[in-house]
Protein backbone atom coordinates (compact mmCIF):
# COMPACT_ATOMS: atom_id res chain seq x y z
CA UNK A 1 -101.36 -111.56 -192.40
CA UNK A 2 -99.73 -109.23 -194.91
CA UNK A 3 -96.00 -108.81 -195.29
CA UNK A 4 -94.53 -105.61 -193.86
CA UNK A 5 -93.51 -103.11 -196.55
CA UNK A 6 -90.39 -101.00 -196.32
CA UNK A 7 -91.72 -97.61 -197.43
CA UNK A 8 -88.27 -96.29 -198.30
CA UNK A 9 -87.68 -99.16 -200.73
CA UNK A 10 -91.16 -98.74 -202.21
CA UNK A 11 -90.55 -95.01 -202.75
CA UNK A 12 -87.21 -95.67 -204.44
CA UNK A 13 -88.69 -98.42 -206.64
CA UNK A 14 -91.50 -96.12 -207.76
CA UNK A 15 -88.99 -93.33 -208.55
CA UNK A 16 -86.85 -95.76 -210.54
CA UNK A 17 -89.89 -96.93 -212.51
CA UNK A 18 -90.89 -93.32 -213.25
CA UNK A 19 -87.35 -92.52 -214.42
CA UNK A 20 -87.39 -95.53 -216.77
CA UNK A 21 -90.70 -94.41 -218.24
CA UNK A 22 -89.38 -90.87 -218.80
CA UNK A 23 -86.23 -92.28 -220.43
CA UNK A 24 -88.33 -94.37 -222.80
CA UNK A 25 -90.34 -91.30 -223.81
CA UNK A 26 -87.14 -89.33 -224.41
CA UNK A 27 -85.70 -92.12 -226.56
CA UNK A 28 -88.78 -91.98 -228.75
CA UNK A 29 -88.81 -88.18 -228.90
CA UNK A 30 -85.09 -87.44 -229.36
CA UNK A 31 -83.54 -90.71 -230.42
CA UNK A 32 -82.20 -90.48 -233.94
CA UNK A 33 -79.23 -92.27 -235.38
CA UNK A 34 -76.12 -90.41 -236.47
CA UNK A 35 -76.96 -91.10 -240.11
CA UNK A 36 -80.44 -89.63 -239.71
CA UNK A 37 -79.03 -86.48 -238.06
CA UNK A 38 -76.42 -86.11 -240.83
CA UNK A 39 -79.07 -86.54 -243.52
CA UNK A 40 -81.29 -83.89 -241.94
CA UNK A 41 -78.36 -81.52 -241.63
CA UNK A 42 -77.39 -82.02 -245.29
CA UNK A 43 -80.97 -81.43 -246.35
CA UNK A 44 -81.11 -78.19 -244.32
CA UNK A 45 -77.81 -76.99 -245.85
CA UNK A 46 -79.10 -77.70 -249.35
CA UNK A 47 -82.35 -75.84 -248.67
CA UNK A 48 -80.41 -72.86 -247.28
CA UNK A 49 -78.15 -72.73 -250.30
CA UNK A 50 -81.10 -72.89 -252.69
CA UNK A 51 -82.82 -70.10 -250.82
CA UNK A 52 -79.67 -67.96 -250.87
CA UNK A 53 -79.31 -68.60 -254.61
CA UNK A 54 -82.84 -67.38 -255.27
CA UNK A 55 -82.38 -64.03 -253.50
CA UNK A 56 -82.54 -60.93 -255.63
CA UNK A 57 -80.08 -58.17 -254.90
CA UNK A 58 -81.45 -54.61 -255.13
């Protein structure tokens, strides 16, 4: 005979597993180190300054 299953515990376990999967996806999508963020920000600042330097004033 099968063991009885506590449905409340099963529901909570499934929700916890889904939350862990979502967290893993977010780590892949948004997870960057501080150095990587700083490098991207410096690159964006340099590109902005080069673009501003190339503008022609009427």
